[in-house]
């Protein structure tokens, strides 16, 4: 009998949109890895720390887990250590569980692989005209995007429904603003399955063939945001390759 000796997981809410489970299960089958991947839907933000600890102890074979919406920032208060890069961003999407000799959770270490996933999937499309960007959203994923854009030498401005100093509101966006920022990244869940008709409220008429519009959403494969951008001649990219890259980086962390 083939006994499963290791478990990995995705923590977030809701998880119906996620491809991580199928991606890792296929990886395990393809590479003959004796493991399984769980979807751990934790739907209580107020009780998240205690709920997370309880979940970890319920699964003593759990080696590590990915973190998705809405816990990439909330998870920080649960961790014993945070990688310097993840700490500077203020968001974590990968956690490695360190267990003692008795299998009990000794510590939780946080990392951010979204940065590498985003940067490497965007890099091949960047040209000299791509010096300024708009990031739609200000959550954990948006922070990783900002770090990645800085790595690529691109100056970014956040766009928010409730902007802080130095950020823009959606109402402040004009076609001229969009025209001047030739990388637009949707780091919000807008357009994610099942609400596929939704899209960020920006002046799409400001887009051109010089623009790159990157949607971190990967389900559906072409979001309404991408459709509207493509109609203006922009290059469009979804978040699927980013998912693959960050997942492979997570695997390295769990098995270091």
Protein backbone atom coordinates (compact mmCIF):
# COMPACT_ATOMS: atom_id res chain seq x y z
CA UNK A 1 0.00 0.00 0.00
CA UNK A 2 1.33 3.46 -0.97
CA UNK A 3 1.18 5.54 2.21
CA UNK A 4 1.21 9.31 1.79
CA UNK A 5 4.02 10.71 3.91
CA UNK A 6 3.85 14.43 3.10
CA UNK A 7 1.10 16.99 2.74
CA UNK A 8 1.09 20.49 1.28
CA UNK A 9 -1.81 22.91 1.11
CA UNK A 10 -3.40 26.18 0.07
CA UNK A 11 -4.82 28.44 2.78
CA UNK A 12 -7.32 31.16 1.90
CA UNK A 13 -11.01 31.94 1.31
CA UNK A 14 -12.73 31.27 -1.01
CA UNK A 15 -10.71 28.63 -2.85
CA UNK A 16 -13.07 27.68 -5.68
CA UNK A 17 -11.00 29.79 -8.11
CA UNK A 18 -7.64 28.17 -7.35
CA UNK A 19 -5.61 26.00 -9.74
CA UNK A 20 -2.94 25.19 -7.11
CA UNK A 21 -4.48 21.89 -6.06
CA UNK A 22 -4.54 20.46 -9.59
CA UNK A 23 -1.11 21.90 -10.41
CA UNK A 24 0.62 20.23 -7.47
CA UNK A 25 -1.34 16.97 -7.70
CA UNK A 26 -0.29 16.68 -11.35
CA UNK A 27 3.31 17.45 -10.37
CA UNK A 28 3.22 14.69 -7.75
CA UNK A 29 1.84 12.17 -10.27
CA UNK A 30 4.26 13.18 -13.01
CA UNK A 31 7.37 13.08 -10.81
CA UNK A 32 6.37 10.11 -8.65
CA UNK A 33 6.30 12.20 -5.47
CA UNK A 34 4.60 10.54 -2.50
CA UNK A 35 2.51 13.52 -1.37
CA UNK A 36 -0.88 15.19 -1.58
CA UNK A 37 -2.10 18.79 -1.78
CA UNK A 38 -5.06 20.06 0.23
CA UNK A 39 -7.37 23.05 -0.09
CA UNK A 40 -7.77 24.48 3.43
CA UNK A 41 -10.61 27.00 3.20
CA UNK A 42 -10.44 29.08 6.40
CA UNK A 43 -13.39 31.44 6.32
CA UNK A 44 -13.05 33.32 9.61
CA UNK A 45 -10.66 36.26 9.44
CA UNK A 46 -11.25 37.21 13.09
CA UNK A 47 -10.25 33.74 14.33
CA UNK A 48 -7.62 33.15 11.66
CA UNK A 49 -4.52 32.71 13.91
CA UNK A 50 -6.11 30.12 16.20
CA UNK A 51 -7.88 28.44 13.30
CA UNK A 52 -4.59 28.16 11.41
CA UNK A 53 -2.74 26.61 14.39
CA UNK A 54 -5.57 24.16 14.92
CA UNK A 55 -5.46 23.20 11.23
CA UNK A 56 -1.69 22.63 11.32
CA UNK A 57 -1.96 20.36 14.35
CA UNK A 58 -4.82 18.45 12.69
CA UNK A 59 -2.48 17.63 9.81
CA UNK A 60 0.82 16.45 11.40
CA UNK A 61 2.23 15.51 7.97
CA UNK A 62 1.76 19.04 6.62
CA UNK A 63 5.16 20.34 5.45
CA UNK A 64 4.14 23.76 4.17
CA UNK A 65 1.40 25.75 2.50
CA UNK A 66 0.63 28.52 0.06
CA UNK A 67 -1.35 31.56 1.19
CA UNK A 68 -3.85 33.37 -0.99
CA UNK A 69 -6.65 35.96 -0.67
CA UNK A 70 -7.42 37.35 1.88
CA UNK A 71 -4.59 36.22 4.20
CA UNK A 72 -1.30 37.27 2.56
CA UNK A 73 -0.93 40.12 5.05
CA UNK A 74 -2.92 38.66 7.96
CA UNK A 75 -0.60 35.63 8.01
CA UNK A 76 2.29 37.79 9.23
CA UNK A 77 0.99 37.85 12.80
CA UNK A 78 1.05 34.03 12.86
CA UNK A 79 4.68 33.59 11.82
CA UNK A 80 7.82 33.07 13.88
CA UNK A 81 10.15 34.32 11.14
CA UNK A 82 9.80 36.13 7.82
CA UNK A 83 12.23 36.20 4.92
CA UNK A 84 13.76 39.67 4.47
CA UNK A 85 12.17 40.20 1.06
CA UNK A 86 8.71 39.17 2.25
CA UNK A 87 9.14 41.33 5.34
CA UNK A 88 10.01 44.41 3.29
CA UNK A 89 6.88 43.89 1.19
CA UNK A 90 4.61 43.10 4.12
CA UNK A 91 3.02 40.06 2.48
CA UNK A 92 3.64 36.30 2.51
CA UNK A 93 2.35 33.66 0.10
CA UNK A 94 4.46 30.65 1.17
CA UNK A 95 4.90 29.20 4.66
CA UNK A 96 7.32 26.45 5.65
CA UNK A 97 6.43 24.45 8.76
CA UNK A 98 9.34 23.44 10.99
CA UNK A 99 8.46 20.53 13.26
CA UNK A 100 10.23 19.13 16.32
CA UNK A 101 11.33 15.51 16.84
CA UNK A 102 7.81 14.63 17.97
CA UNK A 103 6.18 16.09 14.85
CA UNK A 104 4.75 19.13 16.62
CA UNK A 105 4.88 22.53 14.94
CA UNK A 106 7.97 24.28 16.30
CA UNK A 107 7.88 27.36 14.05
CA UNK A 108 6.39 28.89 10.93
CA UNK A 109 8.62 30.66 8.39
CA UNK A 110 7.16 33.01 5.76
CA UNK A 111 8.35 33.82 2.23
CA UNK A 112 7.09 35.60 -0.88
CA UNK A 113 7.44 33.86 -4.24
CA UNK A 114 4.86 36.08 -5.97
CA UNK A 115 7.69 38.53 -6.67
CA UNK A 116 9.70 36.04 -8.71
CA UNK A 117 6.59 34.70 -10.43
CA UNK A 118 5.42 38.14 -11.50
CA UNK A 119 8.83 39.52 -12.47
CA UNK A 120 9.87 36.56 -14.59
CA UNK A 121 6.54 36.27 -16.41
CA UNK A 122 6.54 40.01 -17.25
CA UNK A 123 10.24 40.44 -18.07
CA UNK A 124 10.14 39.12 -21.69
CA UNK A 125 7.55 41.74 -22.68
CA UNK A 126 9.28 44.82 -21.27
CA UNK A 127 10.69 47.42 -23.67
CA UNK A 128 12.16 50.89 -23.41
CA UNK A 129 8.69 52.44 -23.51
CA UNK A 130 7.68 50.67 -20.30
CA UNK A 131 9.01 52.97 -17.60
CA UNK A 132 5.86 53.76 -15.62
CA UNK A 133 3.10 51.50 -14.29
CA UNK A 134 -0.26 51.62 -12.56
CA UNK A 135 -1.02 48.89 -10.00
CA UNK A 136 -4.75 48.40 -9.49
CA UNK A 137 -5.17 47.37 -5.86
CA UNK A 138 -3.10 47.72 -2.70
CA UNK A 139 -3.26 44.27 -1.07
CA UNK A 140 -0.55 41.67 -0.56
CA UNK A 141 -0.33 40.71 -4.23
CA UNK A 142 -0.11 44.38 -5.25
CA UNK A 143 2.83 44.88 -2.88
CA UNK A 144 4.68 41.98 -4.48
CA UNK A 145 3.94 43.44 -7.92
CA UNK A 146 5.37 46.79 -6.86
CA UNK A 147 8.58 45.13 -5.70
CA UNK A 148 8.83 43.23 -8.98
CA UNK A 149 8.32 46.37 -11.04
CA UNK A 150 11.07 48.12 -9.09
CA UNK A 151 13.36 45.19 -9.92
CA UNK A 152 12.60 45.79 -13.61
CA UNK A 153 13.32 49.52 -13.28
CA UNK A 154 9.67 50.56 -13.61
CA UNK A 155 8.17 53.31 -11.46
CA UNK A 156 4.76 52.29 -10.14
CA UNK A 157 1.75 54.13 -8.71
CA UNK A 158 -0.97 52.37 -6.74
CA UNK A 159 -4.64 52.90 -7.61
CA UNK A 160 -7.15 52.30 -4.81
CA UNK A 161 -10.80 52.82 -3.93
CA UNK A 162 -9.51 54.38 -0.71
CA UNK A 163 -6.15 55.93 -1.67
CA UNK A 164 -3.47 56.85 0.82
CA UNK A 165 -0.91 59.59 0.27
CA UNK A 166 0.93 59.09 -3.00
CA UNK A 167 -1.79 56.85 -4.43
CA UNK A 168 -4.53 57.57 -6.96
CA UNK A 169 -8.24 56.88 -6.75
CA UNK A 170 -10.08 55.36 -9.69
CA UNK A 171 -11.99 58.63 -10.05
CA UNK A 172 -8.70 60.47 -10.58
CA UNK A 173 -7.66 58.30 -13.51
CA UNK A 174 -7.90 59.96 -16.89
CA UNK A 175 -7.17 58.66 -20.37
CA UNK A 176 -4.00 60.77 -20.28
CA UNK A 177 -2.87 59.13 -17.03
CA UNK A 178 -3.44 55.69 -18.47
CA UNK A 179 -1.67 56.66 -21.69
CA UNK A 180 1.37 57.82 -19.71
CA UNK A 181 1.63 54.57 -17.72
CA UNK A 182 2.28 51.82 -20.23
CA UNK A 183 2.17 48.91 -17.82
CA UNK A 184 -1.18 48.33 -16.11
CA UNK A 185 -1.43 45.51 -13.56
CA UNK A 186 -4.72 44.29 -12.12
CA UNK A 187 -3.84 43.03 -8.65
CA UNK A 188 -7.48 42.86 -7.51
CA UNK A 189 -9.87 39.87 -7.70
CA UNK A 190 -12.14 41.75 -10.15
CA UNK A 191 -13.07 39.49 -13.03
CA UNK A 192 -12.22 36.27 -11.21
CA UNK A 193 -14.52 33.28 -11.69
CA UNK A 194 -17.48 33.19 -11.17
CA UNK A 195 -17.90 36.99 -11.56
CA UNK A 196 -16.25 37.03 -14.96
CA UNK A 197 -18.16 40.05 -16.25
CA UNK A 198 -16.44 42.42 -13.80
CA UNK A 199 -13.44 44.57 -14.68
CA UNK A 200 -11.52 47.45 -13.07
CA UNK A 201 -13.14 50.81 -13.77
CA UNK A 202 -10.39 52.60 -15.69
CA UNK A 203 -10.46 54.72 -18.88
CA UNK A 204 -9.56 51.99 -21.36
CA UNK A 205 -9.52 54.55 -24.19
CA UNK A 206 -6.10 55.61 -22.91
CA UNK A 207 -4.58 52.25 -23.83
CA UNK A 208 -2.54 51.67 -26.99
CA UNK A 209 -0.36 49.11 -28.75
CA UNK A 210 2.51 50.27 -26.51
CA UNK A 211 0.72 49.05 -23.36
CA UNK A 212 1.08 45.83 -21.41
CA UNK A 213 -1.97 44.88 -19.35
CA UNK A 214 -1.19 42.12 -16.85
CA UNK A 215 -4.01 40.49 -14.90
CA UNK A 216 -2.98 38.42 -11.89
CA UNK A 217 -6.29 36.57 -12.26
CA UNK A 218 -5.90 33.30 -14.20
CA UNK A 219 -9.45 31.95 -14.06
CA UNK A 220 -10.84 32.72 -16.61
CA UNK A 221 -7.81 32.59 -18.91
CA UNK A 222 -8.91 35.86 -20.54
CA UNK A 223 -10.62 38.24 -18.14
CA UNK A 224 -12.90 41.12 -19.07
CA UNK A 225 -10.00 43.48 -18.19
CA UNK A 226 -7.82 41.67 -20.73
CA UNK A 227 -10.57 41.70 -23.38
CA UNK A 228 -11.09 45.45 -23.04
CA UNK A 229 -7.33 46.07 -23.17
CA UNK A 230 -6.89 43.81 -26.19
CA UNK A 231 -9.57 45.77 -28.05
CA UNK A 232 -7.26 48.78 -27.75
CA UNK A 233 -4.28 46.84 -29.12
CA UNK A 234 -2.53 46.30 -25.79
CA UNK A 235 -0.47 43.21 -25.05
CA UNK A 236 -2.34 41.16 -22.44
CA UNK A 237 -0.97 38.59 -19.97
CA UNK A 238 -2.81 36.54 -17.36
CA UNK A 239 -1.47 35.19 -14.07
CA UNK A 240 -1.12 31.52 -15.01
CA UNK A 241 2.61 31.52 -15.75
CA UNK A 242 3.14 33.60 -12.60
CA UNK A 243 1.33 30.86 -10.67
CA UNK A 244 3.54 28.16 -12.16
CA UNK A 245 6.77 30.02 -11.38
CA UNK A 246 5.81 30.95 -7.83
CA UNK A 247 4.61 27.38 -7.19
CA UNK A 248 7.95 25.94 -8.31
CA UNK A 249 9.75 28.44 -6.06
CA UNK A 250 7.49 27.41 -3.15
CA UNK A 251 8.39 23.77 -3.75
CA UNK A 252 12.10 24.62 -3.42
CA UNK A 253 11.44 26.41 -0.11
CA UNK A 254 9.41 23.53 1.36
CA UNK A 255 12.09 21.03 0.43
CA UNK A 256 15.27 22.99 1.20
